[in-house]
């Protein structure tokens, strides 16, 4: 993992909870991030967890409330505005920061759509991007959800996959560290996203990312196929 320092001076591992699956229709309701900076090793320097208010007149689907435990009242009383979230993103996504997530395509599309409407979508343009789901698909057989990675790396007693962004981003940090111990090639996956050959890329392609079909039975590393 230390070699990532050659490609960035900070890493922001992030996660979102949303009101649904459509980045053009649904909204971010919780944003969490952990920022790592280099000091003879990657050190945590900031942890962010914010609820985000829904657009006036909108309500959460009961299924989302059941899944996340987040309620309309929590968002109303504790949430920040979308413009305020864009300001937070501007503070943590400084030049040279690598954006990292588990299933990064999903989070990045929601963030891009948010920033395009309420902030500056250029914040995402030139930042290196690392998708840990792509890495995990190269390392382990199906299934590939975050909680499977937590179990595979023996982290169940340390972190949890709770469908709350703050818990999931903490889990993603630990999964990333274990991945680096297992095989120190994470830098080979920067700006390289795998996708299912059966279903294709989910949503529009990100211009700075190379997309490569990733079978569940790949014999070669994705960076060799790309």
Protein backbone atom coordinates (compact mmCIF):
# COMPACT_ATOMS: atom_id res chain seq x y z
CA UNK A 1 0.00 0.00 0.00
CA UNK A 2 2.96 2.30 0.55
CA UNK A 3 3.56 2.41 -3.21
CA UNK A 4 0.31 4.32 -3.66
CA UNK A 5 2.26 7.31 -2.35
CA UNK A 6 3.95 7.47 -5.75
CA UNK A 7 0.57 8.25 -7.35
CA UNK A 8 -1.09 10.51 -4.78
CA UNK A 9 -0.38 12.48 -1.63
CA UNK A 10 -3.67 11.62 0.09
CA UNK A 11 -6.36 8.96 -0.10
CA UNK A 12 -10.05 9.59 0.56
CA UNK A 13 -11.99 6.38 1.14
CA UNK A 14 -15.68 7.19 0.87
CA UNK A 15 -19.13 5.67 0.95
CA UNK A 16 -22.67 6.91 0.44
CA UNK A 17 -26.13 5.82 1.46
CA UNK A 18 -28.79 6.89 -1.00
CA UNK A 19 -32.56 7.08 -1.25
CA UNK A 20 -32.50 4.61 -4.15
CA UNK A 21 -30.36 3.26 -6.95
CA UNK A 22 -30.86 5.93 -9.64
CA UNK A 23 -28.17 8.64 -9.53
CA UNK A 24 -30.35 10.92 -11.68
CA UNK A 25 -33.50 10.54 -9.57
CA UNK A 26 -32.48 9.48 -6.07
CA UNK A 27 -30.33 11.40 -3.59
CA UNK A 28 -27.42 10.94 -1.22
CA UNK A 29 -28.75 10.74 2.34
CA UNK A 30 -25.48 9.96 4.14
CA UNK A 31 -21.90 10.69 3.12
CA UNK A 32 -18.91 9.33 4.99
CA UNK A 33 -15.20 9.52 4.27
CA UNK A 34 -11.85 8.83 5.86
CA UNK A 35 -8.87 10.83 4.65
CA UNK A 36 -5.40 9.29 4.83
CA UNK A 37 -2.25 11.32 4.37
CA UNK A 38 1.32 10.15 3.92
CA UNK A 39 3.71 10.48 6.88
CA UNK A 40 6.13 7.56 6.63
CA UNK A 41 3.00 5.48 6.15
CA UNK A 42 -0.70 6.19 5.57
CA UNK A 43 -2.20 7.89 8.62
CA UNK A 44 -5.85 8.79 9.25
CA UNK A 45 -6.15 12.58 9.52
CA UNK A 46 -9.91 13.07 9.22
CA UNK A 47 -13.16 11.16 9.48
CA UNK A 48 -16.39 12.64 8.14
CA UNK A 49 -19.96 11.46 8.57
CA UNK A 50 -22.84 13.66 7.45
CA UNK A 51 -26.53 13.13 6.90
CA UNK A 52 -27.85 15.07 3.90
CA UNK A 53 -31.30 16.60 3.76
CA UNK A 54 -33.66 15.48 1.03
CA UNK A 55 -35.08 17.91 -1.48
CA UNK A 56 -38.10 19.62 0.04
CA UNK A 57 -41.23 17.52 -0.35
CA UNK A 58 -39.42 14.20 -0.80
CA UNK A 59 -39.67 11.28 1.64
CA UNK A 60 -37.66 8.11 2.12
CA UNK A 61 -39.04 4.82 0.90
CA UNK A 62 -39.89 2.58 3.90
CA UNK A 63 -37.53 -0.05 2.46
CA UNK A 64 -34.61 2.39 2.67
CA UNK A 65 -35.51 3.25 6.26
CA UNK A 66 -35.61 -0.45 7.12
CA UNK A 67 -32.30 -1.14 5.37
CA UNK A 68 -30.29 1.79 6.75
CA UNK A 69 -32.07 2.81 9.95
CA UNK A 70 -32.01 6.38 8.62
CA UNK A 71 -35.32 8.24 8.93
CA UNK A 72 -36.80 11.40 7.44
CA UNK A 73 -36.67 12.99 10.87
CA UNK A 74 -32.95 12.25 11.23
CA UNK A 75 -32.24 13.88 7.89
CA UNK A 76 -34.38 16.90 8.72
CA UNK A 77 -32.90 17.49 12.16
CA UNK A 78 -29.28 16.40 11.66
CA UNK A 79 -28.70 16.72 7.91
CA UNK A 80 -26.68 19.31 6.02
CA UNK A 81 -27.75 20.81 2.70
CA UNK A 82 -26.54 19.52 -0.65
CA UNK A 83 -24.54 22.72 -1.14
CA UNK A 84 -22.87 22.17 2.22
CA UNK A 85 -21.94 18.63 1.22
CA UNK A 86 -20.36 20.01 -1.95
CA UNK A 87 -18.30 22.33 0.25
CA UNK A 88 -17.15 19.34 2.33
CA UNK A 89 -16.13 17.54 -0.86
CA UNK A 90 -14.13 20.55 -1.95
CA UNK A 91 -12.23 20.52 1.34
CA UNK A 92 -11.28 16.83 1.26
CA UNK A 93 -10.75 16.27 -2.47
CA UNK A 94 -7.68 18.44 -2.78
CA UNK A 95 -5.42 18.05 -5.85
CA UNK A 96 -3.46 14.80 -5.77
CA UNK A 97 -6.05 12.97 -3.66
CA UNK A 98 -6.99 9.45 -4.70
CA UNK A 99 -10.72 8.63 -4.46
CA UNK A 100 -11.29 5.10 -3.22
CA UNK A 101 -14.49 3.15 -2.61
CA UNK A 102 -15.95 -0.34 -2.71
CA UNK A 103 -18.02 -0.29 -5.92
CA UNK A 104 -16.70 3.18 -6.72
CA UNK A 105 -18.77 3.50 -9.91
CA UNK A 106 -21.96 3.77 -7.86
CA UNK A 107 -20.68 6.43 -5.45
CA UNK A 108 -18.91 8.46 -8.12
CA UNK A 109 -22.01 8.77 -10.30
CA UNK A 110 -24.06 10.03 -7.35
CA UNK A 111 -21.30 12.48 -6.38
CA UNK A 112 -20.86 13.71 -9.95
CA UNK A 113 -24.58 14.38 -10.33
CA UNK A 114 -24.66 16.18 -6.97
CA UNK A 115 -21.64 18.34 -7.79
CA UNK A 116 -22.93 19.15 -11.25
CA UNK A 117 -26.10 20.63 -9.74
CA UNK A 118 -24.85 22.17 -6.50
CA UNK A 119 -21.06 22.49 -6.72
CA UNK A 120 -18.12 21.86 -9.04
CA UNK A 121 -18.06 18.48 -10.82
CA UNK A 122 -14.48 19.27 -11.87
CA UNK A 123 -13.43 18.17 -8.37
CA UNK A 124 -13.69 14.57 -9.56
CA UNK A 125 -12.15 14.97 -13.01
CA UNK A 126 -8.41 14.55 -12.56
CA UNK A 127 -8.28 12.69 -9.27
CA UNK A 128 -6.96 9.11 -9.46
CA UNK A 129 -9.65 6.56 -8.66
CA UNK A 130 -9.43 3.10 -7.10
CA UNK A 131 -12.30 0.62 -6.97
CA UNK A 132 -11.75 -2.05 -4.32
CA UNK A 133 -14.61 -4.17 -5.65
CA UNK A 134 -12.59 -4.59 -8.85
CA UNK A 135 -9.60 -5.69 -6.78
CA UNK A 136 -11.67 -8.13 -4.75
CA UNK A 137 -13.15 -9.72 -7.88
CA UNK A 138 -9.58 -10.42 -8.99
CA UNK A 139 -8.73 -11.99 -5.64
CA UNK A 140 -11.73 -14.12 -4.65
CA UNK A 141 -14.53 -16.13 -6.30
CA UNK A 142 -18.16 -14.96 -6.30
CA UNK A 143 -19.94 -13.53 -4.24
CA UNK A 144 -18.31 -10.12 -3.95
CA UNK A 145 -20.29 -7.87 -1.60
CA UNK A 146 -18.44 -5.86 1.04
CA UNK A 147 -19.46 -8.20 3.84
CA UNK A 148 -17.97 -11.12 1.89
CA UNK A 149 -14.66 -9.24 1.76
CA UNK A 150 -14.91 -8.52 5.50
CA UNK A 151 -15.36 -12.24 6.18
CA UNK A 152 -12.65 -13.32 3.73
CA UNK A 153 -10.05 -11.10 5.39
CA UNK A 154 -11.04 -12.12 8.93
CA UNK A 155 -12.33 -8.69 9.91
CA UNK A 156 -15.76 -9.64 11.26
CA UNK A 157 -14.73 -8.95 14.87
CA UNK A 158 -13.24 -5.57 13.95
CA UNK A 159 -15.66 -3.93 11.49
CA UNK A 160 -19.16 -4.44 10.12
CA UNK A 161 -21.17 -3.93 6.94
CA UNK A 162 -24.28 -2.26 8.36
CA UNK A 163 -25.65 -0.29 5.37
CA UNK A 164 -24.59 2.85 7.22
CA UNK A 165 -21.96 4.81 5.33
CA UNK A 166 -19.73 5.46 8.34
CA UNK A 167 -19.53 1.76 9.26
CA UNK A 168 -18.99 0.73 5.66
CA UNK A 169 -16.22 3.26 5.03
CA UNK A 170 -14.38 2.12 8.17
CA UNK A 171 -14.72 -1.44 6.94
CA UNK A 172 -13.45 -0.48 3.49
CA UNK A 173 -10.31 1.06 4.97
CA UNK A 174 -9.51 -2.18 6.80
CA UNK A 175 -10.29 -4.30 3.74
CA UNK A 176 -7.93 -2.11 1.70
CA UNK A 177 -5.13 -2.56 4.22
CA UNK A 178 -5.60 -6.35 4.19
CA UNK A 179 -5.65 -6.39 0.40
CA UNK A 180 -2.30 -4.60 0.35
CA UNK A 181 -0.82 -7.16 2.77
CA UNK A 182 -2.12 -10.00 0.62
CA UNK A 183 -0.68 -8.65 -2.63
CA UNK A 184 0.92 -5.24 -2.92
CA UNK A 185 -0.37 -4.35 -6.39
CA UNK A 186 -3.14 -1.87 -5.63
CA UNK A 187 -1.49 0.82 -7.73
CA UNK A 188 -2.07 -1.36 -10.81
CA UNK A 189 -5.83 -0.87 -10.37
CA UNK A 190 -5.81 2.94 -10.30
CA UNK A 191 -8.32 4.23 -12.89
CA UNK A 192 -9.13 0.63 -13.88
CA UNK A 193 -12.68 -0.56 -13.23
CA UNK A 194 -13.93 -4.04 -13.96
CA UNK A 195 -17.50 -4.67 -15.07
CA UNK A 196 -19.70 -7.68 -15.67
CA UNK A 197 -19.54 -8.83 -19.30
CA UNK A 198 -23.16 -9.94 -18.94
CA UNK A 199 -24.62 -6.68 -17.65
CA UNK A 200 -22.14 -4.10 -18.93
CA UNK A 201 -21.04 -0.88 -17.24
CA UNK A 202 -23.56 0.45 -14.74
CA UNK A 203 -24.39 3.98 -15.85
CA UNK A 204 -22.28 6.32 -17.99
CA UNK A 205 -18.54 5.79 -18.17
CA UNK A 206 -16.22 8.10 -16.24
CA UNK A 207 -13.82 9.71 -18.70
CA UNK A 208 -10.69 9.22 -16.59
CA UNK A 209 -11.39 5.52 -15.99
CA UNK A 210 -10.56 2.53 -18.20
CA UNK A 211 -13.28 -0.12 -18.15
CA UNK A 212 -12.40 -3.77 -18.74
CA UNK A 213 -14.78 -6.77 -18.76
CA UNK A 214 -14.14 -8.78 -15.61
CA UNK A 215 -15.34 -12.36 -15.58
CA UNK A 216 -15.88 -14.22 -12.31
CA UNK A 217 -13.42 -16.79 -13.65
CA UNK A 218 -10.57 -14.59 -14.83
CA UNK A 219 -7.28 -16.49 -14.87
CA UNK A 220 -5.23 -13.34 -15.32
CA UNK A 221 -5.18 -10.11 -13.35
CA UNK A 222 -7.42 -7.46 -14.84
CA UNK A 223 -4.47 -5.11 -15.38
CA UNK A 224 -2.91 -7.72 -17.67
CA UNK A 225 -6.14 -8.06 -19.66
CA UNK A 226 -6.51 -4.29 -20.02
